[in-house]
Amino acid sequence: MGIAKYEIFGTEGTWRVRHDGNAENEYATKEAAFEAAIAAASLALRQGHDVTVTALSSETTTGAPAK
């Protein structure tokens, strides 16, 4: 099978998951986008794909960089 890649990106209040060049859905939180990506990745694993999920660090709710 192929490789399924999921990339979580965005800013506060507008998060998306990019897969196959598309990022159609919008999520209010980074965590919600992560949960959606993991659900999709789980299905891809069952179908025999290699899976990569990427969620880069972002600023905290106080505006300070994440550590």
N, C-alpha and C. Protein backbone atom coordinates (compact mmCIF):
# COMPACT_ATOMS: atom_id res chain seq x y z
N MET A 1 0.84 -1.19 0.00
CA MET A 1 0.00 0.00 0.00
C MET A 1 0.88 1.25 0.00
N GLY A 2 0.25 2.39 0.16
CA GLY A 2 0.97 3.65 0.12
C GLY A 2 1.25 4.23 1.48
N ILE A 3 1.60 5.49 1.46
CA ILE A 3 1.87 6.23 2.68
C ILE A 3 0.77 7.27 2.87
N ALA A 4 0.18 7.30 4.05
CA ALA A 4 -0.84 8.29 4.39
C ALA A 4 -0.21 9.31 5.33
N LYS A 5 -0.14 10.57 4.90
CA LYS A 5 0.45 11.63 5.70
C LYS A 5 -0.63 12.62 6.11
N TYR A 6 -0.62 12.99 7.38
CA TYR A 6 -1.57 13.95 7.94
C TYR A 6 -0.77 15.05 8.63
N GLU A 7 -1.01 16.29 8.23
CA GLU A 7 -0.29 17.43 8.80
C GLU A 7 -1.30 18.38 9.43
N ILE A 8 -1.13 18.62 10.72
CA ILE A 8 -2.01 19.54 11.46
C ILE A 8 -1.36 20.91 11.44
N PHE A 9 -2.12 21.93 11.02
CA PHE A 9 -1.58 23.28 10.95
C PHE A 9 -2.70 24.29 11.20
N GLY A 10 -2.30 25.52 11.50
CA GLY A 10 -3.28 26.58 11.68
C GLY A 10 -2.88 27.54 12.77
N THR A 11 -3.85 28.31 13.21
CA THR A 11 -3.68 29.26 14.30
C THR A 11 -4.88 29.13 15.22
N GLU A 12 -4.81 29.79 16.34
CA GLU A 12 -5.87 29.70 17.35
C GLU A 12 -7.26 29.89 16.73
N GLY A 13 -8.13 28.91 16.90
CA GLY A 13 -9.49 28.99 16.41
C GLY A 13 -9.70 28.48 15.00
N THR A 14 -8.62 28.27 14.25
CA THR A 14 -8.73 27.79 12.88
C THR A 14 -7.63 26.76 12.61
N TRP A 15 -7.94 25.51 12.85
CA TRP A 15 -6.98 24.43 12.65
C TRP A 15 -7.47 23.53 11.54
N ARG A 16 -6.54 22.96 10.79
CA ARG A 16 -6.88 22.08 9.67
C ARG A 16 -5.95 20.87 9.67
N VAL A 17 -6.38 19.84 8.95
CA VAL A 17 -5.57 18.65 8.74
C VAL A 17 -5.37 18.51 7.23
N ARG A 18 -4.13 18.56 6.79
CA ARG A 18 -3.82 18.39 5.36
C ARG A 18 -3.54 16.92 5.09
N HIS A 19 -4.22 16.38 4.07
CA HIS A 19 -4.01 15.00 3.63
C HIS A 19 -4.20 14.97 2.13
N ASP A 20 -3.26 14.40 1.42
CA ASP A 20 -3.29 14.35 -0.05
C ASP A 20 -3.44 15.74 -0.66
N GLY A 21 -2.82 16.74 -0.03
CA GLY A 21 -2.86 18.10 -0.56
C GLY A 21 -4.13 18.86 -0.24
N ASN A 22 -5.09 18.22 0.42
CA ASN A 22 -6.36 18.88 0.75
C ASN A 22 -6.45 19.12 2.25
N ALA A 23 -7.09 20.23 2.61
CA ALA A 23 -7.34 20.56 4.01
C ALA A 23 -8.73 21.18 4.09
N GLU A 24 -9.74 20.35 3.89
CA GLU A 24 -11.11 20.85 3.74
C GLU A 24 -11.79 21.22 5.04
N ASN A 25 -11.62 20.43 6.09
CA ASN A 25 -12.34 20.68 7.34
C ASN A 25 -11.59 21.66 8.22
N GLU A 26 -12.34 22.38 9.03
CA GLU A 26 -11.78 23.37 9.95
C GLU A 26 -12.18 22.99 11.37
N TYR A 27 -11.23 23.11 12.31
CA TYR A 27 -11.45 22.73 13.70
C TYR A 27 -11.16 23.91 14.61
N ALA A 28 -11.89 24.01 15.70
CA ALA A 28 -11.74 25.14 16.62
C ALA A 28 -10.47 25.03 17.45
N THR A 29 -10.02 23.80 17.71
CA THR A 29 -8.82 23.62 18.52
C THR A 29 -7.83 22.70 17.82
N LYS A 30 -6.59 22.83 18.19
CA LYS A 30 -5.55 21.96 17.66
C LYS A 30 -5.81 20.52 18.08
N GLU A 31 -6.31 20.34 19.29
CA GLU A 31 -6.60 19.01 19.80
C GLU A 31 -7.70 18.34 18.99
N ALA A 32 -8.72 19.09 18.59
CA ALA A 32 -9.80 18.53 17.77
C ALA A 32 -9.26 18.10 16.40
N ALA A 33 -8.38 18.90 15.83
CA ALA A 33 -7.77 18.54 14.55
C ALA A 33 -6.92 17.28 14.72
N PHE A 34 -6.20 17.19 15.82
CA PHE A 34 -5.38 16.02 16.10
C PHE A 34 -6.24 14.76 16.21
N GLU A 35 -7.35 14.85 16.93
CA GLU A 35 -8.24 13.70 17.08
C GLU A 35 -8.79 13.25 15.74
N ALA A 36 -9.13 14.20 14.87
CA ALA A 36 -9.63 13.86 13.54
C ALA A 36 -8.54 13.18 12.71
N ALA A 37 -7.32 13.69 12.81
CA ALA A 37 -6.21 13.10 12.07
C ALA A 37 -5.93 11.68 12.55
N ILE A 38 -5.98 11.46 13.84
CA ILE A 38 -5.71 10.13 14.40
C ILE A 38 -6.80 9.15 13.98
N ALA A 39 -8.04 9.58 13.95
CA ALA A 39 -9.12 8.69 13.49
C ALA A 39 -8.90 8.29 12.04
N ALA A 40 -8.54 9.24 11.19
CA ALA A 40 -8.27 8.94 9.79
C ALA A 40 -7.04 8.05 9.65
N ALA A 41 -6.01 8.32 10.44
CA ALA A 41 -4.78 7.53 10.40
C ALA A 41 -5.05 6.09 10.83
N SER A 42 -5.91 5.90 11.80
CA SER A 42 -6.26 4.57 12.26
C SER A 42 -6.89 3.75 11.14
N LEU A 43 -7.78 4.36 10.40
CA LEU A 43 -8.41 3.70 9.26
C LEU A 43 -7.36 3.35 8.19
N ALA A 44 -6.47 4.28 7.92
CA ALA A 44 -5.42 4.04 6.93
C ALA A 44 -4.52 2.87 7.35
N LEU A 45 -4.22 2.77 8.65
CA LEU A 45 -3.42 1.65 9.15
C LEU A 45 -4.13 0.32 8.91
N ARG A 46 -5.42 0.29 9.20
CA ARG A 46 -6.20 -0.93 8.98
C ARG A 46 -6.21 -1.32 7.52
N GLN A 47 -6.10 -0.34 6.63
CA GLN A 47 -6.09 -0.61 5.20
C GLN A 47 -4.70 -0.98 4.69
N GLY A 48 -3.70 -0.98 5.56
CA GLY A 48 -2.36 -1.41 5.21
C GLY A 48 -1.39 -0.32 4.81
N HIS A 49 -1.74 0.94 5.01
CA HIS A 49 -0.85 2.05 4.66
C HIS A 49 0.16 2.32 5.77
N ASP A 50 1.32 2.85 5.39
CA ASP A 50 2.22 3.46 6.37
C ASP A 50 1.59 4.80 6.72
N VAL A 51 1.75 5.25 7.97
CA VAL A 51 1.09 6.48 8.42
C VAL A 51 2.08 7.41 9.10
N THR A 52 1.96 8.71 8.78
CA THR A 52 2.70 9.76 9.46
C THR A 52 1.72 10.85 9.86
N VAL A 53 1.74 11.25 11.15
CA VAL A 53 0.93 12.37 11.63
C VAL A 53 1.89 13.40 12.19
N THR A 54 1.78 14.64 11.71
CA THR A 54 2.66 15.71 12.15
C THR A 54 1.82 16.84 12.75
N ALA A 55 2.22 17.26 13.94
CA ALA A 55 1.59 18.41 14.60
C ALA A 55 2.72 19.25 15.18
N LEU A 56 3.07 20.31 14.50
CA LEU A 56 4.15 21.16 14.96
C LEU A 56 3.74 21.93 16.21
N SER A 57 4.73 22.30 17.01
CA SER A 57 4.44 23.07 18.23
C SER A 57 3.87 24.42 17.85
N SER A 58 3.16 25.01 18.79
CA SER A 58 2.56 26.33 18.57
C SER A 58 2.63 27.10 19.87
N GLU A 59 2.20 28.34 19.82
CA GLU A 59 2.19 29.16 21.02
C GLU A 59 1.14 28.63 22.00
N THR A 60 1.37 28.88 23.27
CA THR A 60 0.41 28.51 24.30
C THR A 60 -0.72 29.53 24.34
N THR A 61 -1.73 29.29 25.16
CA THR A 61 -2.85 30.21 25.25
C THR A 61 -2.45 31.57 25.82
N THR A 62 -1.31 31.64 26.50
CA THR A 62 -0.83 32.92 27.03
C THR A 62 -0.02 33.69 26.00
N GLY A 63 0.26 33.05 24.86
CA GLY A 63 1.06 33.71 23.82
C GLY A 63 2.53 33.38 23.91
N ALA A 64 2.92 32.66 24.97
CA ALA A 64 4.32 32.26 25.11
C ALA A 64 4.60 31.06 24.21
N PRO A 65 5.80 30.95 23.70
CA PRO A 65 6.13 29.78 22.87
C PRO A 65 6.00 28.49 23.68
N ALA A 66 5.54 27.43 23.04
CA ALA A 66 5.45 26.14 23.71
C ALA A 66 6.85 25.60 23.96
N LYS A 67 7.04 24.91 25.07
CA LYS A 67 8.36 24.36 25.41
C LYS A 67 8.39 22.89 25.17
